[in-house]
């Protein structure tokens, strides 16, 4: 993660100093490429650090960062753009400064935590200390070359996405919800900047309501922790991924309510607190769903969690990047209320999905080649 973050720093500076569209496209592409490393690997790292019962707390805080970032960025970006001494280039400079700072802190304060790497280092140390060649770990045979990058680091997530039923199902559900959220983000400027004629920075403040909802979702996510701990104890300390999914039902309901509520209170003649409160429901619902999807994948795949989460990240990024391109035409043509009602209706169609995962999740996991379920797991 750390080398990739330094690369993101450099490409962010490259975007900030770009003078042609081609240069901007190229630097943004590579910035996204390297910037995806923490998104794909942090949840797996948390799986290395924490046992299943405690992991939910850590993943909940991680989800606040991942989901909360896009809700804070518009206000920060607008403030930079309207400042005549800064401008849009500083959105990239600020990103570079922030990423460089965090990467440097991590370089000195975050130790290696991946078990196979730690065992490999221990085996090498014991061989040197004892002279016994019997100390060896299979991870020593893993070499970082072009072949391994293609077959493992690039190929494995795509293989899991297409051959692991549980990864496929979770990825499509998470991507579907992610796409709805990013479509919704596109309507905020239409409602508050165009419809209510608010100033640029002021029109981005309702995004903060999404962040309030993201924070409020912590109460639901963390409330499930005692129940999950009891179920893990009953399962002899082994993770039970399906026990993570109950909050998703609440998240799905909140998400659908927020979409309908926002759509039909967005008109300029309706007081602004109505759509702003609805935005909090959208943020809360999405964060609950996202959080439990990540928890489920980490519980299920263990040492392969990074690949499973990468598969999820790849698919939802495709959805989230593609669908918003049609958002403005959709909202302007249909109107905010009808367009948001379509999104809310689609969200309602997805409400049974958590129940299906809870009912058939174990059966799907038994079909896994990467994380087969032992027979005594319940």
Protein backbone atom coordinates (compact mmCIF):
# COMPACT_ATOMS: atom_id res chain seq x y z
CA UNK A 1 0.00 0.00 0.00
CA UNK A 2 2.71 2.49 0.95
CA UNK A 3 4.62 2.60 -2.39
CA UNK A 4 1.29 2.92 -4.19
CA UNK A 5 0.35 5.89 -2.01
CA UNK A 6 3.60 7.66 -2.87
CA UNK A 7 2.86 7.00 -6.54
CA UNK A 8 -0.59 8.54 -6.05
CA UNK A 9 1.12 11.61 -4.60
CA UNK A 10 3.28 12.02 -7.70
CA UNK A 11 0.43 11.54 -10.15
CA UNK A 12 -1.77 13.97 -8.20
CA UNK A 13 0.96 16.57 -8.60
CA UNK A 14 1.10 15.61 -12.28
CA UNK A 15 -2.61 16.31 -12.67
CA UNK A 16 -2.30 19.61 -10.83
CA UNK A 17 0.42 20.77 -13.20
CA UNK A 18 -1.13 19.39 -16.40
CA UNK A 19 -1.48 21.81 -19.29
CA UNK A 20 -3.28 19.56 -21.80
CA UNK A 21 -6.31 17.27 -21.57
CA UNK A 22 -4.15 14.27 -22.55
CA UNK A 23 -1.76 14.89 -19.65
CA UNK A 24 -4.68 15.18 -17.25
CA UNK A 25 -6.31 11.97 -18.49
CA UNK A 26 -3.08 10.01 -18.18
CA UNK A 27 -2.15 11.26 -14.71
CA UNK A 28 -5.71 10.77 -13.45
CA UNK A 29 -5.70 7.21 -14.78
CA UNK A 30 -2.52 6.29 -12.99
CA UNK A 31 -3.62 8.18 -9.89
CA UNK A 32 -6.73 6.02 -9.79
CA UNK A 33 -4.68 2.89 -10.47
CA UNK A 34 -2.31 3.43 -7.55
CA UNK A 35 -4.95 5.04 -5.33
CA UNK A 36 -6.99 1.85 -5.45
CA UNK A 37 -4.36 -0.04 -3.43
CA UNK A 38 -5.52 1.12 0.02
CA UNK A 39 -9.19 0.68 -0.91
CA UNK A 40 -8.53 -2.94 -1.86
CA UNK A 41 -6.06 -3.87 0.86
CA UNK A 42 -6.97 -2.04 4.06
CA UNK A 43 -9.94 -4.27 4.85
CA UNK A 44 -7.76 -7.35 4.35
CA UNK A 45 -5.10 -5.81 6.59
CA UNK A 46 -7.71 -5.31 9.29
CA UNK A 47 -8.51 -8.99 8.90
CA UNK A 48 -4.84 -9.76 9.61
CA UNK A 49 -4.78 -7.57 12.71
CA UNK A 50 -8.06 -8.34 14.42
CA UNK A 51 -9.81 -11.56 15.34
CA UNK A 52 -13.35 -11.98 13.95
CA UNK A 53 -15.15 -10.77 17.08
CA UNK A 54 -13.23 -7.49 17.24
CA UNK A 55 -12.89 -6.88 13.52
CA UNK A 56 -16.33 -5.35 13.14
CA UNK A 57 -15.33 -2.28 15.15
CA UNK A 58 -12.26 -1.65 13.00
CA UNK A 59 -14.08 -2.20 9.71
CA UNK A 60 -16.86 0.16 10.84
CA UNK A 61 -14.34 2.98 11.31
CA UNK A 62 -12.68 2.11 8.00
CA UNK A 63 -16.06 2.29 6.26
CA UNK A 64 -16.63 5.78 7.68
CA UNK A 65 -13.40 6.89 5.99
CA UNK A 66 -14.17 5.23 2.64
CA UNK A 67 -17.80 6.30 2.44
CA UNK A 68 -17.35 9.62 4.21
CA UNK A 69 -14.57 10.85 1.92
CA UNK A 70 -16.80 11.42 -1.14
CA UNK A 71 -19.30 13.30 1.04
CA UNK A 72 -16.70 15.76 2.34
CA UNK A 73 -14.81 16.26 -0.92
CA UNK A 74 -17.39 18.45 -2.73
CA UNK A 75 -17.36 21.11 0.00
CA UNK A 76 -13.56 21.13 0.23
CA UNK A 77 -13.25 21.23 -3.56
CA UNK A 78 -15.78 24.04 -3.94
CA UNK A 79 -13.98 26.12 -1.31
CA UNK A 80 -10.72 25.70 -3.20
CA UNK A 81 -12.25 26.48 -6.59
CA UNK A 82 -13.94 29.73 -5.53
CA UNK A 83 -10.76 31.03 -3.89
CA UNK A 84 -9.11 33.21 -6.56
CA UNK A 85 -5.64 32.53 -5.15
CA UNK A 86 -6.07 28.74 -5.32
CA UNK A 87 -8.39 27.28 -8.00
CA UNK A 88 -9.13 23.74 -9.16
CA UNK A 89 -5.47 22.68 -9.33
CA UNK A 90 -5.30 22.86 -5.57
CA UNK A 91 -7.83 20.05 -5.30
CA UNK A 92 -4.98 17.87 -6.58
CA UNK A 93 -2.24 19.59 -4.59
CA UNK A 94 -4.21 19.11 -1.36
CA UNK A 95 -4.71 15.46 -2.25
CA UNK A 96 -0.97 15.06 -2.83
CA UNK A 97 -0.07 16.75 0.46
CA UNK A 98 -2.55 14.68 2.44
CA UNK A 99 -1.62 11.35 0.85
CA UNK A 100 2.12 12.04 1.25
CA UNK A 101 1.63 12.86 4.93
CA UNK A 102 -0.37 9.71 5.69
CA UNK A 103 2.00 7.51 3.67
CA UNK A 104 5.02 8.88 5.57
CA UNK A 105 3.36 8.33 8.94
CA UNK A 106 2.44 4.79 7.87
CA UNK A 107 5.99 4.13 6.67
CA UNK A 108 7.32 4.59 10.20
CA UNK A 109 4.33 3.55 12.32
CA UNK A 110 2.66 0.66 10.47
CA UNK A 111 4.52 -2.66 10.71
CA UNK A 112 4.17 -5.63 8.37
CA UNK A 113 1.04 -7.56 9.40
CA UNK A 114 0.51 -10.21 6.70
CA UNK A 115 1.01 -13.60 8.37
CA UNK A 116 2.74 -15.42 5.47
CA UNK A 117 5.31 -12.61 5.16
CA UNK A 118 5.95 -12.62 8.90
CA UNK A 119 6.43 -16.38 8.91
CA UNK A 120 8.76 -16.16 5.92
CA UNK A 121 10.91 -13.59 7.74
CA UNK A 122 10.92 -15.78 10.84
CA UNK A 123 12.03 -18.83 8.84
CA UNK A 124 14.87 -16.84 7.23
CA UNK A 125 15.97 -15.55 10.64
CA UNK A 126 15.93 -19.02 12.22
CA UNK A 127 17.97 -20.47 9.35
CA UNK A 128 20.62 -17.83 9.88
CA UNK A 129 20.65 -18.28 13.65
CA UNK A 130 20.63 -22.09 13.71
CA UNK A 131 22.10 -23.09 10.36
CA UNK A 132 19.20 -25.53 10.00
CA UNK A 133 17.84 -25.46 6.41
CA UNK A 134 14.65 -27.14 7.68
CA UNK A 135 13.25 -23.77 8.65
CA UNK A 136 11.30 -22.75 5.56
CA UNK A 137 7.95 -21.24 4.65
CA UNK A 138 6.05 -21.68 1.34
CA UNK A 139 5.78 -17.92 0.92
CA UNK A 140 9.51 -17.87 0.17
CA UNK A 141 8.71 -19.31 -3.24
CA UNK A 142 6.47 -16.37 -4.10
CA UNK A 143 8.33 -13.97 -6.36
CA UNK A 144 7.09 -10.54 -7.41
CA UNK A 145 7.64 -10.65 -11.15
CA UNK A 146 5.53 -9.87 -14.19
CA UNK A 147 4.02 -13.35 -14.27
CA UNK A 148 2.94 -13.28 -10.63
CA UNK A 149 1.54 -9.77 -11.03
CA UNK A 150 -0.61 -10.89 -13.96
CA UNK A 151 -1.68 -14.28 -12.62
CA UNK A 152 -2.06 -13.44 -8.94
CA UNK A 153 -2.42 -9.74 -8.26
CA UNK A 154 -4.44 -8.99 -11.38
CA UNK A 155 -5.80 -12.37 -12.35
CA UNK A 156 -6.95 -13.70 -8.97
CA UNK A 157 -9.51 -10.94 -8.23
CA UNK A 158 -11.00 -11.32 -11.69
CA UNK A 159 -10.99 -15.10 -11.32
CA UNK A 160 -12.77 -14.85 -7.97
CA UNK A 161 -15.28 -12.38 -9.40
CA UNK A 162 -16.23 -14.79 -12.15
CA UNK A 163 -15.89 -18.17 -10.43
CA UNK A 164 -16.63 -17.58 -6.72
CA UNK A 165 -20.43 -17.44 -6.31
CA UNK A 166 -20.25 -15.53 -3.04
CA UNK A 167 -17.84 -12.91 -4.38
CA UNK A 168 -19.99 -12.50 -7.49
CA UNK A 169 -23.22 -12.06 -5.52
CA UNK A 170 -21.78 -9.65 -2.96
CA UNK A 171 -19.93 -7.67 -5.63
CA UNK A 172 -23.04 -7.21 -7.76
CA UNK A 173 -25.13 -6.17 -4.78
CA UNK A 174 -22.51 -3.73 -3.45
CA UNK A 175 -21.90 -2.36 -6.95
CA UNK A 176 -25.60 -1.89 -7.50
CA UNK A 177 -25.99 0.12 -4.29
CA UNK A 178 -22.76 2.03 -4.99
CA UNK A 179 -24.02 3.02 -8.43
CA UNK A 180 -27.29 4.30 -6.94
CA UNK A 181 -25.34 6.41 -4.46
CA UNK A 182 -23.14 7.96 -7.13
CA UNK A 183 -26.15 8.66 -9.31
CA UNK A 184 -27.66 10.43 -6.30
CA UNK A 185 -24.51 12.53 -5.78
CA UNK A 186 -25.04 13.98 -9.25
CA UNK A 187 -28.47 15.34 -8.32
CA UNK A 188 -27.23 17.54 -5.46
CA UNK A 189 -25.91 20.33 -7.74
CA UNK A 190 -29.17 20.17 -9.72
CA UNK A 191 -31.29 20.55 -6.59
CA UNK A 192 -29.29 23.09 -4.62
CA UNK A 193 -27.15 24.97 -7.16
CA UNK A 194 -29.52 25.09 -10.13
CA UNK A 195 -32.91 24.71 -8.44
CA UNK A 196 -32.41 26.89 -5.36
CA UNK A 197 -29.70 29.19 -6.81
CA UNK A 198 -27.41 28.74 -3.82
CA UNK A 199 -23.79 29.85 -4.08
CA UNK A 200 -21.28 27.18 -5.08
CA UNK A 201 -19.85 26.46 -1.62
CA UNK A 202 -23.24 26.73 0.12
CA UNK A 203 -24.78 24.36 -2.42
CA UNK A 204 -22.28 21.67 -1.41
CA UNK A 205 -23.09 21.85 2.31
CA UNK A 206 -25.99 19.35 2.00
CA UNK A 207 -23.34 16.76 1.16
CA UNK A 208 -22.38 17.02 4.83
CA UNK A 209 -25.79 15.56 5.69
CA UNK A 210 -24.66 12.41 3.91
CA UNK A 211 -21.63 12.35 6.20
CA UNK A 212 -23.85 12.78 9.25
CA UNK A 213 -25.80 9.75 8.05
CA UNK A 214 -22.56 7.82 7.57
CA UNK A 215 -21.60 8.57 11.18
CA UNK A 216 -25.08 7.68 12.43
CA UNK A 217 -24.77 4.29 10.73
CA UNK A 218 -22.08 3.41 13.26
CA UNK A 219 -24.81 2.88 15.84
CA UNK A 220 -26.41 0.15 13.73
CA UNK A 221 -23.15 -1.47 12.67
CA UNK A 222 -21.70 -1.54 16.17
CA UNK A 223 -24.97 -2.64 17.75
CA UNK A 224 -24.61 -5.92 15.85
CA UNK A 225 -21.22 -6.63 17.41
CA UNK A 226 -22.38 -8.27 20.69
CA UNK A 227 -24.75 -10.54 18.76
CA UNK A 228 -22.01 -11.46 16.30
CA UNK A 229 -19.57 -12.20 19.15
CA UNK A 230 -22.06 -14.60 20.73
CA UNK A 231 -22.55 -16.44 17.43
CA UNK A 232 -18.78 -16.72 16.91
CA UNK A 233 -18.38 -18.17 20.41
CA UNK A 234 -21.06 -20.73 19.61
CA UNK A 235 -19.13 -21.59 16.44
CA UNK A 236 -15.92 -22.37 18.38
CA UNK A 237 -14.35 -18.99 17.62
CA UNK A 238 -14.67 -19.34 13.85
CA UNK A 239 -16.15 -16.44 11.85
CA UNK A 240 -19.77 -16.70 10.76
CA UNK A 241 -20.14 -14.37 7.76
CA UNK A 242 -23.93 -14.66 7.57
CA UNK A 243 -24.21 -13.20 11.08
CA UNK A 244 -22.85 -9.94 9.68
CA UNK A 245 -25.78 -9.44 7.34
CA UNK A 246 -28.72 -8.56 9.61
CA UNK A 247 -27.90 -4.81 9.67
CA UNK A 248 -28.04 -4.81 5.86
CA UNK A 249 -31.81 -5.19 6.11
CA UNK A 250 -32.00 -1.93 8.08
CA UNK A 251 -29.54 -0.29 5.68
CA UNK A 252 -31.59 -1.27 2.65
CA UNK A 253 -34.77 0.19 4.14
CA UNK A 254 -33.07 3.46 5.15
CA UNK A 255 -31.46 3.77 1.72
CA UNK A 256 -34.77 3.31 -0.14
CA UNK A 257 -36.61 5.72 2.19
CA UNK A 258 -33.92 8.33 1.71
CA UNK A 259 -34.08 8.12 -2.08
CA UNK A 260 -37.87 8.59 -2.23
CA UNK A 261 -37.83 11.27 0.46
CA UNK A 262 -35.09 13.27 -1.23
CA UNK A 263 -36.73 13.08 -4.65
CA UNK A 264 -40.11 14.40 -3.56
CA UNK A 265 -38.83 17.15 -1.26
CA UNK A 266 -36.21 18.52 -3.66
CA UNK A 267 -38.46 21.17 -5.24
CA UNK A 268 -37.44 24.77 -4.44
CA UNK A 269 -40.82 25.53 -2.82
CA UNK A 270 -40.18 22.92 -0.11
CA UNK A 271 -37.99 24.04 2.84
CA UNK A 272 -34.40 22.91 2.46
CA UNK A 273 -34.21 20.86 5.72
CA UNK A 274 -36.50 18.23 4.19
CA UNK A 275 -34.13 17.00 1.42
CA UNK A 276 -31.12 17.53 3.70
CA UNK A 277 -32.52 15.14 6.32
CA UNK A 278 -33.34 12.69 3.53
CA UNK A 279 -29.69 12.82 2.48
CA UNK A 280 -28.72 11.65 5.97
CA UNK A 281 -30.93 8.59 5.49
CA UNK A 282 -29.20 7.85 2.17
CA UNK A 283 -25.76 8.12 3.77
CA UNK A 284 -26.72 5.94 6.73
CA UNK A 285 -28.30 3.24 4.59
CA UNK A 286 -25.39 3.06 2.19
CA UNK A 287 -22.76 2.89 4.92
CA UNK A 288 -24.54 0.04 6.68
CA UNK A 289 -24.72 -1.98 3.46
CA UNK A 290 -21.13 -1.24 2.43
CA UNK A 291 -19.78 -2.05 5.89
CA UNK A 292 -21.39 -5.46 6.11
CA UNK A 293 -20.41 -6.41 2.55
CA UNK A 294 -16.76 -5.81 3.47
CA UNK A 295 -17.14 -7.68 6.77
CA UNK A 296 -18.67 -10.63 4.96
CA UNK A 297 -15.88 -10.90 2.41
CA UNK A 298 -13.11 -10.62 5.02
CA UNK A 299 -14.80 -13.23 7.24
CA UNK A 300 -15.24 -15.58 4.31
CA UNK A 301 -11.88 -15.41 2.55
CA UNK A 302 -9.26 -14.78 5.23
CA UNK A 303 -5.83 -14.62 3.57
CA UNK A 304 -7.55 -14.14 0.19
CA UNK A 305 -9.62 -11.23 1.49
CA UNK A 306 -7.59 -8.64 -0.45
CA UNK A 307 -8.39 -10.39 -3.73
CA UNK A 308 -12.07 -10.75 -2.82
CA UNK A 309 -12.33 -7.08 -1.86
CA UNK A 310 -10.40 -6.12 -5.01
CA UNK A 311 -12.97 -7.95 -7.11
CA UNK A 312 -15.70 -6.06 -5.29
CA UNK A 313 -13.87 -2.75 -5.72
CA UNK A 314 -13.31 -3.34 -9.43
CA UNK A 315 -16.96 -4.02 -10.22
CA UNK A 316 -18.45 -1.25 -8.09
CA UNK A 317 -15.93 1.23 -9.50
CA UNK A 318 -17.05 0.36 -13.02
CA UNK A 319 -20.69 0.89 -12.04
CA UNK A 320 -19.98 4.07 -10.09
CA UNK A 321 -17.91 5.55 -12.91
CA UNK A 322 -20.30 4.65 -15.71
CA UNK A 323 -23.83 5.29 -14.53
CA UNK A 324 -23.36 8.89 -13.30
CA UNK A 325 -22.50 9.88 -16.88
CA UNK A 326 -26.21 9.54 -17.63
CA UNK A 327 -27.38 11.21 -14.41
CA UNK A 328 -27.76 14.81 -15.60
CA UNK A 329 -29.73 13.85 -18.68
CA UNK A 330 -31.89 11.55 -16.57
CA UNK A 331 -32.68 14.12 -13.88
CA UNK A 332 -33.19 17.01 -16.30
CA UNK A 333 -35.42 14.99 -18.63
CA UNK A 334 -37.58 13.17 -16.08
CA UNK A 335 -37.41 15.65 -13.23
CA UNK A 336 -35.83 15.06 -9.86
CA UNK A 337 -38.89 13.49 -8.23
CA UNK A 338 -39.64 10.86 -10.92
CA UNK A 339 -35.95 10.07 -11.49
CA UNK A 340 -35.29 9.58 -7.78
CA UNK A 341 -38.43 7.46 -7.57
CA UNK A 342 -36.95 5.15 -10.19
CA UNK A 343 -33.80 4.82 -8.09
CA UNK A 344 -35.88 4.27 -4.97
CA UNK A 345 -37.94 1.63 -6.74
CA UNK A 346 -34.81 -0.21 -7.81
CA UNK A 347 -33.56 -0.01 -4.22
CA UNK A 348 -36.84 -1.56 -3.06
CA UNK A 349 -36.38 -4.42 -5.51
CA UNK A 350 -33.04 -5.12 -3.82
CA UNK A 351 -34.51 -5.24 -0.29
CA UNK A 352 -34.81 -9.07 -0.24
CA UNK A 353 -31.13 -9.52 -1.16
CA UNK A 354 -29.79 -9.60 2.45
CA UNK A 355 -32.37 -12.27 3.33
CA UNK A 356 -31.23 -14.35 0.36
CA UNK A 357 -27.61 -14.03 1.47
CA UNK A 358 -28.50 -15.07 5.01
CA UNK A 359 -30.49 -18.04 3.72
CA UNK A 360 -28.12 -19.30 1.03
CA UNK A 361 -24.77 -17.77 2.02
CA UNK A 362 -23.39 -20.93 3.62
CA UNK A 363 -24.41 -23.00 0.62
CA UNK A 364 -22.64 -20.60 -1.73
CA UNK A 365 -19.53 -20.56 0.46
CA UNK A 366 -19.36 -24.34 0.35
CA UNK A 367 -18.89 -24.00 -3.40
CA UNK A 368 -15.75 -21.90 -2.90
CA UNK A 369 -12.35 -23.06 -4.14
CA UNK A 370 -10.47 -20.39 -2.17
CA UNK A 371 -12.23 -20.63 1.19
CA UNK A 372 -13.96 -24.00 1.51
CA UNK A 373 -16.24 -24.35 4.53
CA UNK A 374 -15.35 -27.06 7.03
CA UNK A 375 -18.11 -29.53 7.74
CA UNK A 376 -18.61 -28.61 11.39
CA UNK A 377 -19.29 -24.94 10.64
CA UNK A 378 -22.90 -23.93 11.23
